Amino acid sequence: MIPPPPVAIPNPDLPVEREAVAQAIEALTASLSTARLQAEAGVLIDLSGLDQRVQTLCAAVARLDDEAGRSLLARLTALAHALDALEQLLKRRGRVAPTRAADAYRSTADRSL
């Protein structure tokens, strides 16, 4: 199971602060890495809500000004790699992959920062 993030994902109805978004991205990336390690060890992981968390983060990044959004590119890239690594592992193991989360990221990643 992916634990809830230690940093809250920014509320879509409130102004977005770059640092809050950065912390939420890092927290989700760490959670995905932990989930991958658990899956490698044979632990059943719960990915429910993952697609919504990724979509919310991507929407928060899109609401930042261009410079702030670009400054998060490395963190977003690490998040994408963590999603891809977990997806590939789950595919190899024949389990349902978090494709909706990966798709949510990819649909917003196509937009330039």
C-alpha atoms as a PDB file:
ATOM      1  CA  MET A   1       0.000   0.000   0.000  1.00  0.00           C
ATOM      2  CA  ILE A   2       1.272   3.450  -0.849  1.00  0.00           C
ATOM      3  CA  PRO A   3       1.208   5.430   2.399  1.00  0.00           C
ATOM      4  CA  PRO A   4      -0.400   8.864   2.424  1.00  0.00           C
ATOM      5  CA  PRO A   5       2.083  11.595   1.622  1.00  0.00           C
ATOM      6  CA  PRO A   6       3.696  13.347   4.597  1.00  0.00           C
ATOM      7  CA  VAL A   7       3.089  16.585   2.701  1.00  0.00           C
ATOM      8  CA  ALA A   8      -0.422  17.366   1.566  1.00  0.00           C
ATOM      9  CA  ILE A   9      -1.069  17.553  -2.144  1.00  0.00           C
ATOM     10  CA  PRO A  10      -1.996  21.135  -2.960  1.00  0.00           C
ATOM     11  CA  ASN A  11      -5.718  21.889  -2.900  1.00  0.00           C
ATOM     12  CA  PRO A  12      -6.828  22.746  -6.447  1.00  0.00           C
ATOM     13  CA  ASP A  13      -8.983  25.585  -5.099  1.00  0.00           C
ATOM     14  CA  LEU A  14      -6.135  27.419  -3.370  1.00  0.00           C
ATOM     15  CA  PRO A  15      -3.164  29.358  -4.752  1.00  0.00           C
ATOM     16  CA  VAL A  16      -0.240  27.075  -5.515  1.00  0.00           C
ATOM     17  CA  GLU A  17       3.139  27.529  -3.875  1.00  0.00           C
ATOM     18  CA  ARG A  18       6.110  26.020  -5.661  1.00  0.00           C
ATOM     19  CA  GLU A  19       7.679  24.578  -2.519  1.00  0.00           C
ATOM     20  CA  ALA A  20       4.478  22.794  -1.469  1.00  0.00           C
ATOM     21  CA  VAL A  21       4.201  21.244  -4.919  1.00  0.00           C
ATOM     22  CA  ALA A  22       7.880  20.250  -4.880  1.00  0.00           C
ATOM     23  CA  GLN A  23       7.486  18.548  -1.492  1.00  0.00           C
ATOM     24  CA  ALA A  24       4.350  16.719  -2.652  1.00  0.00           C
ATOM     25  CA  ILE A  25       6.139  15.495  -5.796  1.00  0.00           C
ATOM     26  CA  GLU A  26       9.090  14.247  -3.745  1.00  0.00           C
ATOM     27  CA  ALA A  27       6.787  12.542  -1.238  1.00  0.00           C
ATOM     28  CA  LEU A  28       4.882  10.728  -3.977  1.00  0.00           C
ATOM     29  CA  THR A  29       8.111   9.725  -5.715  1.00  0.00           C
ATOM     30  CA  ALA A  30       9.417   8.273  -2.447  1.00  0.00           C
ATOM     31  CA  SER A  31       6.111   6.440  -1.900  1.00  0.00           C
ATOM     32  CA  LEU A  32       6.320   4.927  -5.374  1.00  0.00           C
ATOM     33  CA  SER A  33       9.890   3.797  -4.770  1.00  0.00           C
ATOM     34  CA  THR A  34       8.803   2.178  -1.500  1.00  0.00           C
ATOM     35  CA  ALA A  35       5.873   0.508  -3.267  1.00  0.00           C
ATOM     36  CA  ARG A  36       8.240  -0.867  -5.923  1.00  0.00           C
ATOM     37  CA  LEU A  37      10.533  -2.306  -3.253  1.00  0.00           C
ATOM     38  CA  GLN A  38       7.547  -3.869  -1.506  1.00  0.00           C
ATOM     39  CA  ALA A  39       6.276  -5.346  -4.782  1.00  0.00           C
ATOM     40  CA  GLU A  40       9.749  -6.755  -5.502  1.00  0.00           C
ATOM     41  CA  ALA A  41       9.597  -8.444  -2.089  1.00  0.00           C
ATOM     42  CA  GLY A  42       6.237  -9.970  -2.962  1.00  0.00           C
ATOM     43  CA  VAL A  43       4.141  -7.672  -0.794  1.00  0.00           C
ATOM     44  CA  LEU A  44       0.720  -6.880  -2.213  1.00  0.00           C
ATOM     45  CA  ILE A  45       0.492  -3.122  -2.744  1.00  0.00           C
ATOM     46  CA  ASP A  46      -2.605  -0.961  -2.950  1.00  0.00           C
ATOM     47  CA  LEU A  47      -2.444   1.646  -5.694  1.00  0.00           C
ATOM     48  CA  SER A  48      -5.949   2.983  -5.259  1.00  0.00           C
ATOM     49  CA  GLY A  49      -6.050   6.734  -5.660  1.00  0.00           C
ATOM     50  CA  LEU A  50      -2.633   6.893  -7.294  1.00  0.00           C
ATOM     51  CA  ASP A  51      -4.012   8.198 -10.585  1.00  0.00           C
ATOM     52  CA  GLN A  52      -5.852  11.005  -8.789  1.00  0.00           C
ATOM     53  CA  ARG A  53      -2.751  11.973  -6.806  1.00  0.00           C
ATOM     54  CA  VAL A  54      -0.649  12.178  -9.977  1.00  0.00           C
ATOM     55  CA  GLN A  55      -3.337  14.123 -11.803  1.00  0.00           C
ATOM     56  CA  THR A  56      -3.696  16.574  -8.893  1.00  0.00           C
ATOM     57  CA  LEU A  57       0.062  17.145  -8.766  1.00  0.00           C
ATOM     58  CA  CYS A  58       0.281  17.700 -12.500  1.00  0.00           C
ATOM     59  CA  ALA A  59      -2.607  20.164 -12.336  1.00  0.00           C
ATOM     60  CA  ALA A  60      -0.843  22.019  -9.516  1.00  0.00           C
ATOM     61  CA  VAL A  61       2.341  22.264 -11.585  1.00  0.00           C
ATOM     62  CA  ALA A  62       0.341  23.552 -14.551  1.00  0.00           C
ATOM     63  CA  ARG A  63      -1.018  26.363 -12.354  1.00  0.00           C
ATOM     64  CA  LEU A  64       2.480  27.572 -11.437  1.00  0.00           C
ATOM     65  CA  ASP A  65       4.128  30.333 -13.414  1.00  0.00           C
ATOM     66  CA  ASP A  66       6.423  29.139 -16.209  1.00  0.00           C
ATOM     67  CA  GLU A  67       9.681  29.619 -14.303  1.00  0.00           C
ATOM     68  CA  ALA A  68       8.437  27.797 -11.200  1.00  0.00           C
ATOM     69  CA  GLY A  69       7.041  24.975 -13.329  1.00  0.00           C
ATOM     70  CA  ARG A  70      10.300  24.558 -15.222  1.00  0.00           C
ATOM     71  CA  SER A  71      12.206  24.460 -11.940  1.00  0.00           C
ATOM     72  CA  LEU A  72      10.277  21.283 -11.032  1.00  0.00           C
ATOM     73  CA  LEU A  73      11.202  19.438 -14.218  1.00  0.00           C
ATOM     74  CA  ALA A  74      13.855  17.247 -12.550  1.00  0.00           C
ATOM     75  CA  ARG A  75      11.448  16.261  -9.778  1.00  0.00           C
ATOM     76  CA  LEU A  76       8.699  15.496 -12.300  1.00  0.00           C
ATOM     77  CA  THR A  77      11.149  13.421 -14.321  1.00  0.00           C
ATOM     78  CA  ALA A  78      12.045  11.432 -11.186  1.00  0.00           C
ATOM     79  CA  LEU A  79       8.320  10.915 -10.537  1.00  0.00           C
ATOM     80  CA  ALA A  80       7.812   9.670 -14.095  1.00  0.00           C
ATOM     81  CA  HIS A  81      10.743   7.248 -13.718  1.00  0.00           C
ATOM     82  CA  ALA A  82       9.325   5.950 -10.430  1.00  0.00           C
ATOM     83  CA  LEU A  83       5.928   5.416 -12.080  1.00  0.00           C
ATOM     84  CA  ASP A  84       7.514   3.669 -15.054  1.00  0.00           C
ATOM     85  CA  ALA A  85       9.688   1.430 -12.844  1.00  0.00           C
ATOM     86  CA  LEU A  86       6.684   0.350 -10.796  1.00  0.00           C
ATOM     87  CA  GLU A  87       4.580  -0.187 -13.898  1.00  0.00           C
ATOM     88  CA  GLN A  88       7.276  -2.328 -15.563  1.00  0.00           C
ATOM     89  CA  LEU A  89       7.744  -4.410 -12.422  1.00  0.00           C
ATOM     90  CA  LEU A  90       4.014  -5.025 -12.097  1.00  0.00           C
ATOM     91  CA  LYS A  91       3.732  -5.929 -15.776  1.00  0.00           C
ATOM     92  CA  ARG A  92       6.583  -8.441 -15.427  1.00  0.00           C
ATOM     93  CA  ARG A  93       4.862  -9.932 -12.411  1.00  0.00           C
ATOM     94  CA  GLY A  94       1.530 -10.102 -14.241  1.00  0.00           C
ATOM     95  CA  ARG A  95      -0.201  -7.700 -11.882  1.00  0.00           C
ATOM     96  CA  VAL A  96      -2.345  -4.721 -12.770  1.00  0.00           C
ATOM     97  CA  ALA A  97      -0.096  -1.774 -13.531  1.00  0.00           C
ATOM     98  CA  PRO A  98      -0.790   1.806 -12.478  1.00  0.00           C
ATOM     99  CA  THR A  99      -1.488   2.806 -16.062  1.00  0.00           C
ATOM    100  CA  ARG A 100      -4.072   5.451 -15.203  1.00  0.00           C
ATOM    101  CA  ALA A 101      -1.496   7.245 -13.038  1.00  0.00           C
ATOM    102  CA  ALA A 102       1.137   6.992 -15.747  1.00  0.00           C
ATOM    103  CA  ASP A 103      -1.400   8.173 -18.313  1.00  0.00           C
ATOM    104  CA  ALA A 104      -2.373  11.114 -16.083  1.00  0.00           C
ATOM    105  CA  TYR A 105       1.271  12.161 -15.918  1.00  0.00           C
ATOM    106  CA  ARG A 106       1.880  11.644 -19.623  1.00  0.00           C
ATOM    107  CA  SER A 107      -1.193  13.671 -20.647  1.00  0.00           C
ATOM    108  CA  THR A 108       0.059  16.691 -18.717  1.00  0.00           C
ATOM    109  CA  ALA A 109       3.727  16.098 -19.555  1.00  0.00           C
ATOM    110  CA  ASP A 110       2.913  16.649 -23.197  1.00  0.00           C
ATOM    111  CA  ARG A 111       2.235  20.284 -22.364  1.00  0.00           C
ATOM    112  CA  SER A 112       5.403  22.317 -22.202  1.00  0.00           C
ATOM    113  CA  LEU A 113       6.259  23.957 -18.910  1.00  0.00           C
END
